PDB file of N, CA and C in Angstrom:
ATOM      1  N   UNK A   1      12.130  -6.460  24.748  1.00  0.00           N
ATOM      2  CA  UNK A   1      12.746  -6.541  23.439  1.00  0.00           C
ATOM      3  C   UNK A   1      12.772  -5.181  22.745  1.00  0.00           C
ATOM      4  N   UNK A   2      11.857  -4.319  23.116  1.00  0.00           N
ATOM      5  CA  UNK A   2      11.846  -3.000  22.481  1.00  0.00           C
ATOM      6  C   UNK A   2      13.126  -2.234  22.758  1.00  0.00           C
ATOM      7  N   UNK A   3      13.872  -2.635  23.800  1.00  0.00           N
ATOM      8  CA  UNK A   3      15.134  -1.964  24.098  1.00  0.00           C
ATOM      9  C   UNK A   3      16.176  -2.182  23.003  1.00  0.00           C
ATOM     10  N   UNK A   4      15.953  -3.183  22.138  1.00  0.00           N
ATOM     11  CA  UNK A   4      16.881  -3.441  21.022  1.00  0.00           C
ATOM     12  C   UNK A   4      16.650  -2.492  19.856  1.00  0.00           C
ATOM     13  N   UNK A   5      15.495  -1.834  19.826  1.00  0.00           N
ATOM     14  CA  UNK A   5      15.176  -0.953  18.695  1.00  0.00           C
ATOM     15  C   UNK A   5      16.219   0.156  18.567  1.00  0.00           C
ATOM     16  N   UNK A   6      16.731   0.313  17.363  1.00  0.00           N
ATOM     17  CA  UNK A   6      17.697   1.351  16.999  1.00  0.00           C
ATOM     18  C   UNK A   6      19.044   1.221  17.724  1.00  0.00           C
ATOM     19  N   UNK A   7      19.271   0.108  18.416  1.00  0.00           N
ATOM     20  CA  UNK A   7      20.528  -0.096  19.131  1.00  0.00           C
ATOM     21  C   UNK A   7      21.615  -0.483  18.124  1.00  0.00           C
ATOM     22  N   UNK A   8      22.767   0.149  18.200  1.00  0.00           N
ATOM     23  CA  UNK A   8      23.851  -0.065  17.234  1.00  0.00           C
ATOM     24  C   UNK A   8      24.506  -1.427  17.417  1.00  0.00           C
ATOM     25  N   UNK A   9      24.800  -1.820  18.655  1.00  0.00           N
ATOM     26  CA  UNK A   9      25.477  -3.083  18.921  1.00  0.00           C
ATOM     27  C   UNK A   9      24.523  -4.032  19.626  1.00  0.00           C
ATOM     28  N   UNK A  10      24.302  -5.196  19.022  1.00  0.00           N
ATOM     29  CA  UNK A  10      23.471  -6.237  19.619  1.00  0.00           C
ATOM     30  C   UNK A  10      24.256  -7.544  19.558  1.00  0.00           C
ATOM     31  N   UNK A  11      24.641  -8.049  20.709  1.00  0.00           N
ATOM     32  CA  UNK A  11      25.456  -9.260  20.769  1.00  0.00           C
ATOM     33  C   UNK A  11      24.561 -10.477  20.964  1.00  0.00           C
ATOM     34  N   UNK A  12      24.694 -11.449  20.059  1.00  0.00           N
ATOM     35  CA  UNK A  12      23.831 -12.620  20.034  1.00  0.00           C
ATOM     36  C   UNK A  12      23.774 -13.316  21.390  1.00  0.00           C
ATOM     37  N   UNK A  13      24.904 -13.413  22.081  1.00  0.00           N
ATOM     38  CA  UNK A  13      24.956 -14.100  23.374  1.00  0.00           C
ATOM     39  C   UNK A  13      24.087 -13.415  24.433  1.00  0.00           C
ATOM     40  N   UNK A  14      23.784 -12.137  24.237  1.00  0.00           N
ATOM     41  CA  UNK A  14      22.971 -11.382  25.196  1.00  0.00           C
ATOM     42  C   UNK A  14      21.477 -11.451  24.889  1.00  0.00           C
ATOM     43  N   UNK A  15      21.111 -12.053  23.776  1.00  0.00           N
ATOM     44  CA  UNK A  15      19.715 -12.067  23.338  1.00  0.00           C
ATOM     45  C   UNK A  15      19.114 -13.440  23.603  1.00  0.00           C
ATOM     46  N   UNK A  16      18.064 -13.468  24.409  1.00  0.00           N
ATOM     47  CA  UNK A  16      17.407 -14.749  24.673  1.00  0.00           C
ATOM     48  C   UNK A  16      16.351 -15.001  23.598  1.00  0.00           C
ATOM     49  N   UNK A  17      16.187 -16.264  23.283  1.00  0.00           N
ATOM     50  CA  UNK A  17      15.191 -16.640  22.286  1.00  0.00           C
ATOM     51  C   UNK A  17      13.843 -16.888  22.927  1.00  0.00           C
ATOM     52  N   UNK A  18      12.831 -16.961  22.075  1.00  0.00           N
ATOM     53  CA  UNK A  18      11.486 -17.303  22.541  1.00  0.00           C
ATOM     54  C   UNK A  18      10.928 -18.385  21.643  1.00  0.00           C
ATOM     55  N   UNK A  19      10.080 -19.234  22.203  1.00  0.00           N
ATOM     56  CA  UNK A  19       9.476 -20.302  21.418  1.00  0.00           C
ATOM     57  C   UNK A  19       8.463 -19.700  20.452  1.00  0.00           C
ATOM     58  N   UNK A  20       8.721 -19.894  19.165  1.00  0.00           N
ATOM     59  CA  UNK A  20       7.832 -19.366  18.131  1.00  0.00           C
ATOM     60  C   UNK A  20       6.816 -20.418  17.697  1.00  0.00           C
ATOM     61  N   UNK A  21       7.206 -21.694  17.801  1.00  0.00           N
ATOM     62  CA  UNK A  21       6.375 -22.841  17.434  1.00  0.00           C
ATOM     63  C   UNK A  21       7.085 -24.057  18.023  1.00  0.00           C
ATOM     64  N   UNK A  22       6.433 -25.217  18.078  1.00  0.00           N
ATOM     65  CA  UNK A  22       7.136 -26.402  18.586  1.00  0.00           C
ATOM     66  C   UNK A  22       8.416 -26.660  17.780  1.00  0.00           C
ATOM     67  N   UNK A  23       9.558 -26.700  18.477  1.00  0.00           N
ATOM     68  CA  UNK A  23      10.835 -26.952  17.817  1.00  0.00           C
ATOM     69  C   UNK A  23      11.460 -25.765  17.136  1.00  0.00           C
ATOM     70  N   UNK A  24      10.883 -24.560  17.341  1.00  0.00           N
ATOM     71  CA  UNK A  24      11.403 -23.345  16.707  1.00  0.00           C
ATOM     72  C   UNK A  24      11.638 -22.273  17.779  1.00  0.00           C
ATOM     73  N   UNK A  25      12.881 -21.765  17.834  1.00  0.00           N
ATOM     74  CA  UNK A  25      13.217 -20.683  18.753  1.00  0.00           C
ATOM     75  C   UNK A  25      13.588 -19.465  17.927  1.00  0.00           C
ATOM     76  N   UNK A  26      12.942 -18.325  18.242  1.00  0.00           N
ATOM     77  CA  UNK A  26      13.146 -17.077  17.510  1.00  0.00           C
ATOM     78  C   UNK A  26      13.965 -16.114  18.356  1.00  0.00           C
ATOM     79  N   UNK A  27      14.964 -15.476  17.704  1.00  0.00           N
ATOM     80  CA  UNK A  27      15.746 -14.433  18.358  1.00  0.00           C
ATOM     81  C   UNK A  27      15.687 -13.181  17.493  1.00  0.00           C
ATOM     82  N   UNK A  28      15.060 -12.123  18.015  1.00  0.00           N
ATOM     83  CA  UNK A  28      15.049 -10.843  17.302  1.00  0.00           C
ATOM     84  C   UNK A  28      16.395 -10.193  17.584  1.00  0.00           C
ATOM     85  N   UNK A  29      17.197 -10.014  16.531  1.00  0.00           N
ATOM     86  CA  UNK A  29      18.572  -9.564  16.709  1.00  0.00           C
ATOM     87  C   UNK A  29      18.715  -8.050  16.705  1.00  0.00           C
ATOM     88  N   UNK A  30      18.074  -7.388  15.771  1.00  0.00           N
ATOM     89  CA  UNK A  30      18.242  -5.950  15.621  1.00  0.00           C
ATOM     90  C   UNK A  30      17.091  -5.412  14.776  1.00  0.00           C
ATOM     91  N   UNK A  31      16.654  -4.165  15.080  1.00  0.00           N
ATOM     92  CA  UNK A  31      15.587  -3.607  14.248  1.00  0.00           C
ATOM     93  C   UNK A  31      15.447  -2.104  14.412  1.00  0.00           C
ATOM     94  N   UNK A  32      14.880  -1.518  13.366  1.00  0.00           N
ATOM     95  CA  UNK A  32      14.414  -0.138  13.343  1.00  0.00           C
ATOM     96  C   UNK A  32      12.967  -0.207  12.859  1.00  0.00           C
ATOM     97  N   UNK A  33      12.328   0.922  12.677  1.00  0.00           N
ATOM     98  CA  UNK A  33      10.971   0.889  12.130  1.00  0.00           C
ATOM     99  C   UNK A  33      10.954   0.324  10.717  1.00  0.00           C
ATOM    100  N   UNK A  34      12.045   0.513   9.986  1.00  0.00           N
ATOM    101  CA  UNK A  34      12.083   0.148   8.564  1.00  0.00           C
ATOM    102  C   UNK A  34      12.506  -1.287   8.281  1.00  0.00           C
ATOM    103  N   UNK A  35      13.293  -1.905   9.162  1.00  0.00           N
ATOM    104  CA  UNK A  35      13.845  -3.227   8.872  1.00  0.00           C
ATOM    105  C   UNK A  35      14.103  -3.990  10.170  1.00  0.00           C
ATOM    106  N   UNK A  36      14.036  -5.331  10.081  1.00  0.00           N
ATOM    107  CA  UNK A  36      14.251  -6.189  11.252  1.00  0.00           C
ATOM    108  C   UNK A  36      15.019  -7.431  10.836  1.00  0.00           C
ATOM    109  N   UNK A  37      15.958  -7.855  11.701  1.00  0.00           N
ATOM    110  CA  UNK A  37      16.754  -9.060  11.482  1.00  0.00           C
ATOM    111  C   UNK A  37      16.408 -10.068  12.576  1.00  0.00           C
ATOM    112  N   UNK A  38      16.008 -11.282  12.171  1.00  0.00           N
ATOM    113  CA  UNK A  38      15.547 -12.309  13.104  1.00  0.00           C
ATOM    114  C   UNK A  38      16.230 -13.630  12.778  1.00  0.00           C
ATOM    115  N   UNK A  39      16.729 -14.297  13.834  1.00  0.00           N
ATOM    116  CA  UNK A  39      17.374 -15.608  13.700  1.00  0.00           C
ATOM    117  C   UNK A  39      16.399 -16.660  14.227  1.00  0.00           C
ATOM    118  N   UNK A  40      16.172 -17.720  13.439  1.00  0.00           N
ATOM    119  CA  UNK A  40      15.245 -18.784  13.816  1.00  0.00           C
ATOM    120  C   UNK A  40      15.982 -20.115  13.853  1.00  0.00           C
ATOM    121  N   UNK A  41      15.943 -20.770  15.012  1.00  0.00           N
ATOM    122  CA  UNK A  41      16.592 -22.073  15.199  1.00  0.00           C
ATOM    123  C   UNK A  41      15.524 -23.161  15.107  1.00  0.00           C
ATOM    124  N   UNK A  42      15.706 -24.106  14.185  1.00  0.00           N
ATOM    125  CA  UNK A  42      14.735 -25.173  13.950  1.00  0.00           C
ATOM    126  C   UNK A  42      15.312 -26.528  14.327  1.00  0.00           C
ATOM    127  N   UNK A  43      14.526 -27.332  15.050  1.00  0.00           N
ATOM    128  CA  UNK A  43      14.842 -28.732  15.259  1.00  0.00           C
ATOM    129  C   UNK A  43      14.354 -29.500  14.041  1.00  0.00           C
ATOM    130  N   UNK A  44      14.979 -30.647  13.771  1.00  0.00           N
ATOM    131  CA  UNK A  44      14.539 -31.492  12.658  1.00  0.00           C
ATOM    132  C   UNK A  44      13.058 -31.823  12.829  1.00  0.00           C
ATOM    133  N   UNK A  45      12.289 -31.655  11.761  1.00  0.00           N
ATOM    134  CA  UNK A  45      10.866 -31.943  11.770  1.00  0.00           C
ATOM    135  C   UNK A  45       9.986 -30.777  12.170  1.00  0.00           C
ATOM    136  N   UNK A  46      10.578 -29.708  12.688  1.00  0.00           N
ATOM    137  CA  UNK A  46       9.781 -28.541  13.084  1.00  0.00           C
ATOM    138  C   UNK A  46       9.160 -27.885  11.848  1.00  0.00           C
ATOM    139  N   UNK A  47       8.009 -27.273  12.059  1.00  0.00           N
ATOM    140  CA  UNK A  47       7.246 -26.689  10.955  1.00  0.00           C
ATOM    141  C   UNK A  47       7.051 -25.196  11.167  1.00  0.00           C
ATOM    142  N   UNK A  48       7.321 -24.443  10.127  1.00  0.00           N
ATOM    143  CA  UNK A  48       6.922 -23.040  10.065  1.00  0.00           C
ATOM    144  C   UNK A  48       5.629 -23.049   9.266  1.00  0.00           C
ATOM    145  N   UNK A  49       4.490 -22.976   9.952  1.00  0.00           N
ATOM    146  CA  UNK A  49       3.180 -23.129   9.306  1.00  0.00           C
ATOM    147  C   UNK A  49       2.992 -22.121   8.177  1.00  0.00           C
ATOM    148  N   UNK A  50       2.245 -22.529   7.153  1.00  0.00           N
ATOM    149  CA  UNK A  50       1.916 -21.613   6.054  1.00  0.00           C
ATOM    150  C   UNK A  50       1.229 -20.378   6.619  1.00  0.00           C
ATOM    151  N   UNK A  51       1.690 -19.213   6.198  1.00  0.00           N
ATOM    152  CA  UNK A  51       1.129 -17.953   6.663  1.00  0.00           C
ATOM    153  C   UNK A  51       1.483 -16.858   5.668  1.00  0.00           C
ATOM    154  N   UNK A  52       0.958 -15.692   5.898  1.00  0.00           N
ATOM    155  CA  UNK A  52       1.309 -14.515   5.095  1.00  0.00           C
ATOM    156  C   UNK A  52       1.230 -13.305   6.001  1.00  0.00           C
ATOM    157  N   UNK A  53       1.900 -12.230   5.613  1.00  0.00           N
ATOM    158  CA  UNK A  53       1.912 -11.011   6.406  1.00  0.00           C
ATOM    159  C   UNK A  53       2.207  -9.822   5.496  1.00  0.00           C
ATOM    160  N   UNK A  54       1.939  -8.612   5.971  1.00  0.00           N
ATOM    161  CA  UNK A  54       2.146  -7.423   5.132  1.00  0.00           C
ATOM    162  C   UNK A  54       3.576  -6.889   5.206  1.00  0.00           C
ATOM    163  N   UNK A  55       4.556  -7.780   5.160  1.00  0.00           N
ATOM    164  CA  UNK A  55       5.967  -7.403   5.205  1.00  0.00           C
ATOM    165  C   UNK A  55       6.689  -8.145   4.089  1.00  0.00           C
ATOM    166  N   UNK A  56       7.633  -7.506   3.445  1.00  0.00           N
ATOM    167  CA  UNK A  56       8.518  -8.221   2.535  1.00  0.00           C
ATOM    168  C   UNK A  56       9.565  -8.906   3.395  1.00  0.00           C
ATOM    169  N   UNK A  57       9.893 -10.165   3.056  1.00  0.00           N
ATOM    170  CA  UNK A  57      10.803 -10.970   3.862  1.00  0.00           C
ATOM    171  C   UNK A  57      11.826 -11.654   2.969  1.00  0.00           C
ATOM    172  N   UNK A  58      13.081 -11.545   3.356  1.00  0.00           N
ATOM    173  CA  UNK A  58      14.146 -12.315   2.720  1.00  0.00           C
ATOM    174  C   UNK A  58      14.655 -13.296   3.762  1.00  0.00           C
ATOM    175  N   UNK A  59      14.747 -14.571   3.393  1.00  0.00           N
ATOM    176  CA  UNK A  59      15.254 -15.605   4.292  1.00  0.00           C
ATOM    177  C   UNK A  59      16.554 -16.149   3.736  1.00  0.00           C
ATOM    178  N   UNK A  60      17.567 -16.215   4.595  1.00  0.00           N
ATOM    179  CA  UNK A  60      18.876 -16.775   4.264  1.00  0.00           C
ATOM    180  C   UNK A  60      19.065 -18.035   5.089  1.00  0.00           C
ATOM    181  N   UNK A  61      19.423 -19.140   4.425  1.00  0.00           N
ATOM    182  CA  UNK A  61      19.654 -20.401   5.133  1.00  0.00           C
ATOM    183  C   UNK A  61      21.086 -20.399   5.653  1.00  0.00           C
ATOM    184  N   UNK A  62      21.223 -20.304   6.979  1.00  0.00           N
ATOM    185  CA  UNK A  62      22.538 -20.312   7.617  1.00  0.00           C
ATOM    186  C   UNK A  62      23.058 -21.744   7.713  1.00  0.00           C
ATOM    187  N   UNK A  63      22.196 -22.661   8.151  1.00  0.00           N
ATOM    188  CA  UNK A  63      22.584 -24.063   8.291  1.00  0.00           C
ATOM    189  C   UNK A  63      21.340 -24.934   8.183  1.00  0.00           C
ATOM    190  N   UNK A  64      21.549 -26.228   7.996  1.00  0.00           N
ATOM    191  CA  UNK A  64      20.439 -27.177   7.909  1.00  0.00           C
ATOM    192  C   UNK A  64      19.895 -27.310   6.494  1.00  0.00           C
ATOM    193  N   UNK A  65      18.750 -27.983   6.412  1.00  0.00           N
ATOM    194  CA  UNK A  65      18.058 -28.160   5.135  1.00  0.00           C
ATOM    195  C   UNK A  65      16.564 -28.037   5.407  1.00  0.00           C
ATOM    196  N   UNK A  66      15.865 -27.344   4.500  1.00  0.00           N
ATOM    197  CA  UNK A  66      14.452 -27.058   4.680  1.00  0.00           C
ATOM    198  C   UNK A  66      13.696 -27.292   3.377  1.00  0.00           C
ATOM    199  N   UNK A  67      12.439 -27.697   3.505  1.00  0.00           N
ATOM    200  CA  UNK A  67      11.535 -27.691   2.360  1.00  0.00           C
ATOM    201  C   UNK A  67      10.631 -26.477   2.559  1.00  0.00           C
ATOM    202  N   UNK A  68      10.725 -25.530   1.639  1.00  0.00           N
ATOM    203  CA  UNK A  68       9.910 -24.318   1.693  1.00  0.00           C
ATOM    204  C   UNK A  68       8.796 -24.399   0.669  1.00  0.00           C
ATOM    205  N   UNK A  69       7.670 -23.826   1.023  1.00  0.00           N
ATOM    206  CA  UNK A  69       6.584 -23.595   0.075  1.00  0.00           C
ATOM    207  C   UNK A  69       6.350 -22.095   0.040  1.00  0.00           C
ATOM    208  N   UNK A  70       6.431 -21.527  -1.158  1.00  0.00           N
ATOM    209  CA  UNK A  70       6.201 -20.101  -1.345  1.00  0.00           C
ATOM    210  C   UNK A  70       5.232 -19.939  -2.509  1.00  0.00           C
ATOM    211  N   UNK A  71       4.094 -19.353  -2.228  1.00  0.00           N
ATOM    212  CA  UNK A  71       3.070 -19.110  -3.251  1.00  0.00           C
ATOM    213  C   UNK A  71       2.722 -20.393  -4.004  1.00  0.00           C
ATOM    214  N   UNK A  72       2.633 -21.508  -3.246  1.00  0.00           N
ATOM    215  CA  UNK A  72       2.216 -22.789  -3.823  1.00  0.00           C
ATOM    216  C   UNK A  72       3.323 -23.613  -4.460  1.00  0.00           C
ATOM    217  N   UNK A  73       4.550 -23.091  -4.503  1.00  0.00           N
ATOM    218  CA  UNK A  73       5.681 -23.804  -5.109  1.00  0.00           C
ATOM    219  C   UNK A  73       6.608 -24.295  -4.000  1.00  0.00           C
ATOM    220  N   UNK A  74       6.999 -25.593  -4.057  1.00  0.00           N
ATOM    221  CA  UNK A  74       7.881 -26.178  -3.046  1.00  0.00           C
ATOM    222  C   UNK A  74       9.279 -26.400  -3.615  1.00  0.00           C
ATOM    223  N   UNK A  75      10.295 -26.149  -2.765  1.00  0.00           N
ATOM    224  CA  UNK A  75      11.693 -26.407  -3.112  1.00  0.00           C
ATOM    225  C   UNK A  75      12.464 -26.765  -1.850  1.00  0.00           C
ATOM    226  N   UNK A  76      13.514 -27.555  -2.018  1.00  0.00           N
ATOM    227  CA  UNK A  76      14.448 -27.867  -0.937  1.00  0.00           C
ATOM    228  C   UNK A  76      15.550 -26.814  -0.979  1.00  0.00           C
ATOM    229  N   UNK A  77      15.872 -26.233   0.196  1.00  0.00           N
ATOM    230  CA  UNK A  77      16.912 -25.212   0.268  1.00  0.00           C
ATOM    231  C   UNK A  77      17.979 -25.632   1.272  1.00  0.00           C
ATOM    232  N   UNK A  78      19.195 -25.150   1.035  1.00  0.00           N
ATOM    233  CA  UNK A  78      20.377 -25.529   1.797  1.00  0.00           C
ATOM    234  C   UNK A  78      21.168 -24.282   2.189  1.00  0.00           C
ATOM    235  N   UNK A  79      22.208 -24.436   3.024  1.00  0.00           N
ATOM    236  CA  UNK A  79      23.004 -23.289   3.444  1.00  0.00           C
ATOM    237  C   UNK A  79      23.463 -22.426   2.265  1.00  0.00           C
ATOM    238  N   UNK A  80      23.287 -21.115   2.425  1.00  0.00           N
ATOM    239  CA  UNK A  80      23.655 -20.162   1.389  1.00  0.00           C
ATOM    240  C   UNK A  80      22.514 -19.777   0.473  1.00  0.00           C
ATOM    241  N   UNK A  81      21.427 -20.552   0.461  1.00  0.00           N
ATOM    242  CA  UNK A  81      20.272 -20.233  -0.382  1.00  0.00           C
ATOM    243  C   UNK A  81      19.449 -19.114   0.268  1.00  0.00           C
ATOM    244  N   UNK A  82      18.782 -18.343  -0.570  1.00  0.00           N
ATOM    245  CA  UNK A  82      17.894 -17.281  -0.088  1.00  0.00           C
ATOM    246  C   UNK A  82      16.547 -17.375  -0.781  1.00  0.00           C
ATOM    247  N   UNK A  83      15.533 -16.836  -0.105  1.00  0.00           N
ATOM    248  CA  UNK A  83      14.187 -16.795  -0.645  1.00  0.00           C
ATOM    249  C   UNK A  83      13.598 -15.418  -0.413  1.00  0.00           C
ATOM    250  N   UNK A  84      12.901 -14.898  -1.419  1.00  0.00           N
ATOM    251  CA  UNK A  84      12.207 -13.615  -1.321  1.00  0.00           C
ATOM    252  C   UNK A  84      10.719 -13.886  -1.206  1.00  0.00           C
ATOM    253  N   UNK A  85      10.104 -13.331  -0.162  1.00  0.00           N
ATOM    254  CA  UNK A  85       8.664 -13.478   0.042  1.00  0.00           C
ATOM    255  C   UNK A  85       8.083 -12.069   0.152  1.00  0.00           C
ATOM    256  N   UNK A  86       7.482 -11.619  -0.937  1.00  0.00           N
ATOM    257  CA  UNK A  86       6.888 -10.274  -0.923  1.00  0.00           C
ATOM    258  C   UNK A  86       5.655 -10.265  -0.033  1.00  0.00           C
ATOM    259  N   UNK A  87       5.255  -9.083   0.393  1.00  0.00           N
ATOM    260  CA  UNK A  87       4.121  -8.962   1.304  1.00  0.00           C
ATOM    261  C   UNK A  87       2.868  -9.600   0.714  1.00  0.00           C
ATOM    262  N   UNK A  88       2.164 -10.334   1.576  1.00  0.00           N
ATOM    263  CA  UNK A  88       0.919 -10.973   1.178  1.00  0.00           C
ATOM    264  C   UNK A  88       1.071 -12.340   0.545  1.00  0.00           C
ATOM    265  N   UNK A  89       2.301 -12.813   0.320  1.00  0.00           N
ATOM    266  CA  UNK A  89       2.533 -14.116  -0.315  1.00  0.00           C
ATOM    267  C   UNK A  89       2.543 -15.210   0.753  1.00  0.00           C
ATOM    268  N   UNK A  90       1.786 -16.281   0.539  1.00  0.00           N
ATOM    269  CA  UNK A  90       1.724 -17.403   1.473  1.00  0.00           C
ATOM    270  C   UNK A  90       3.038 -18.186   1.435  1.00  0.00           C
ATOM    271  N   UNK A  91       3.564 -18.520   2.627  1.00  0.00           N
ATOM    272  CA  UNK A  91       4.819 -19.259   2.704  1.00  0.00           C
ATOM    273  C   UNK A  91       4.918 -20.018   4.027  1.00  0.00           C
ATOM    274  N   UNK A  92       5.742 -21.072   4.024  1.00  0.00           N
ATOM    275  CA  UNK A  92       5.978 -21.879   5.209  1.00  0.00           C
ATOM    276  C   UNK A  92       7.074 -22.883   4.914  1.00  0.00           C
ATOM    277  N   UNK A  93       7.490 -23.626   5.934  1.00  0.00           N
ATOM    278  CA  UNK A  93       8.576 -24.583   5.723  1.00  0.00           C
ATOM    279  C   UNK A  93       8.496 -25.749   6.690  1.00  0.00           C
ATOM    280  N   UNK A  94       9.249 -26.804   6.342  1.00  0.00           N
ATOM    281  CA  UNK A  94       9.480 -27.958   7.205  1.00  0.00           C
ATOM    282  C   UNK A  94      10.985 -28.131   7.284  1.00  0.00           C
ATOM    283  N   UNK A  95      11.498 -28.307   8.495  1.00  0.00           N
ATOM    284  CA  UNK A  95      12.932 -28.490   8.680  1.00  0.00           C
ATOM    285  C   UNK A  95      13.294 -29.955   8.448  1.00  0.00           C
ATOM    286  N   UNK A  96      14.141 -30.208   7.449  1.00  0.00           N
ATOM    287  CA  UNK A  96      14.563 -31.574   7.116  1.00  0.00           C
ATOM    288  C   UNK A  96      15.821 -31.974   7.879  1.00  0.00           C
ATOM    289  N   UNK A  97      16.698 -31.016   8.149  1.00  0.00           N
ATOM    290  CA  UNK A  97      17.904 -31.214   8.953  1.00  0.00           C
ATOM    291  C   UNK A  97      18.021 -30.006   9.870  1.00  0.00           C
ATOM    292  N   UNK A  98      18.236 -30.239  11.161  1.00  0.00           N
ATOM    293  CA  UNK A  98      18.324 -29.142  12.128  1.00  0.00           C
ATOM    294  C   UNK A  98      19.112 -27.976  11.553  1.00  0.00           C
ATOM    295  N   UNK A  99      18.597 -26.762  11.755  1.00  0.00           N
ATOM    296  CA  UNK A  99      19.276 -25.629  11.149  1.00  0.00           C
ATOM    297  C   UNK A  99      18.804 -24.280  11.636  1.00  0.00           C
ATOM    298  N   UNK A 100      19.393 -23.255  11.025  1.00  0.00           N
ATOM    299  CA  UNK A 100      19.122 -21.864  11.385  1.00  0.00           C
ATOM    300  C   UNK A 100      18.769 -21.081  10.129  1.00  0.00           C
ATOM    301  N   UNK A 101      17.717 -20.272  10.235  1.00  0.00           N
ATOM    302  CA  UNK A 101      17.312 -19.356   9.172  1.00  0.00           C
ATOM    303  C   UNK A 101      17.469 -17.932   9.683  1.00  0.00           C
ATOM    304  N   UNK A 102      17.941 -17.051   8.821  1.00  0.00           N
ATOM    305  CA  UNK A 102      18.048 -15.634   9.149  1.00  0.00           C
ATOM    306  C   UNK A 102      17.039 -14.884   8.287  1.00  0.00           C
ATOM    307  N   UNK A 103      16.106 -14.194   8.940  1.00  0.00           N
ATOM    308  CA  UNK A 103      15.060 -13.455   8.228  1.00  0.00           C
ATOM    309  C   UNK A 103      15.284 -11.962   8.343  1.00  0.00           C
ATOM    310  N   UNK A 104      15.090 -11.269   7.221  1.00  0.00           N
ATOM    311  CA  UNK A 104      15.101  -9.815   7.178  1.00  0.00           C
ATOM    312  C   UNK A 104      13.697  -9.384   6.749  1.00  0.00           C
ATOM    313  N   UNK A 105      13.069  -8.527   7.559  1.00  0.00           N
ATOM    314  CA  UNK A 105      11.718  -8.047   7.285  1.00  0.00           C
ATOM    315  C   UNK A 105      11.735  -6.546   7.038  1.00  0.00           C
ATOM    316  N   UNK A 106      10.885  -6.113   6.089  1.00  0.00           N
ATOM    317  CA  UNK A 106      10.681  -4.697   5.867  1.00  0.00           C
ATOM    318  C   UNK A 106       9.194  -4.463   5.631  1.00  0.00           C
ATOM    319  N   UNK A 107       8.550  -3.605   6.426  1.00  0.00           N
ATOM    320  CA  UNK A 107       9.087  -2.981   7.629  1.00  0.00           C
ATOM    321  C   UNK A 107       9.222  -4.002   8.745  1.00  0.00           C
ATOM    322  N   UNK A 108       9.662  -3.556   9.923  1.00  0.00           N
ATOM    323  CA  UNK A 108       9.834  -4.455  11.058  1.00  0.00           C
ATOM    324  C   UNK A 108       8.509  -5.078  11.472  1.00  0.00           C
ATOM    325  N   UNK A 109       8.596  -6.222  12.165  1.00  0.00           N
ATOM    326  CA  UNK A 109       7.412  -6.949  12.628  1.00  0.00           C
ATOM    327  C   UNK A 109       7.042  -6.502  14.037  1.00  0.00           C
ATOM    328  N   UNK A 110       6.031  -5.655  14.160  1.00  0.00           N
ATOM    329  CA  UNK A 110       5.559  -5.209  15.469  1.00  0.00           C
ATOM    330  C   UNK A 110       5.132  -6.387  16.333  1.00  0.00           C
ATOM    331  N   UNK A 111       4.564  -7.428  15.699  1.00  0.00           N
ATOM    332  CA  UNK A 111       4.075  -8.585  16.465  1.00  0.00           C
ATOM    333  C   UNK A 111       5.208  -9.404  17.095  1.00  0.00           C
ATOM    334  N   UNK A 112       6.445  -9.169  16.699  1.00  0.00           N
ATOM    335  CA  UNK A 112       7.591  -9.889  17.283  1.00  0.00           C
ATOM    336  C   UNK A 112       8.139  -9.192  18.512  1.00  0.00           C
ATOM    337  N   UNK A 113       7.749  -7.936  18.746  1.00  0.00           N
ATOM    338  CA  UNK A 113       8.249  -7.212  19.905  1.00  0.00           C
ATOM    339  C   UNK A 113       7.107  -6.886  20.853  1.00  0.00           C
TER     340      UNK A 113
END
């Protein structure tokens, strides 16, 4: 996956996903040291366990419906909605309808590569 670092063109069809959790497939799409773009495919009922990390993260709901918890507050989100999770803030989700989330991290997540 490190071969994707700083690469200008990354075609989704050429990128294989990896199991991130039961019912969740992660695809690291593109990254530099400063920023990373990750696509997450969720099956209905899949859980993104509550966690925190030293990265600022913006999540865009591409499809599906999710219940997110961010810093102790829960909300239902739908396609087109975004969430900001600053570094160190606890967050997680449950997939209510099969869907895709697009995450942008700053800086990039070394643990994903």
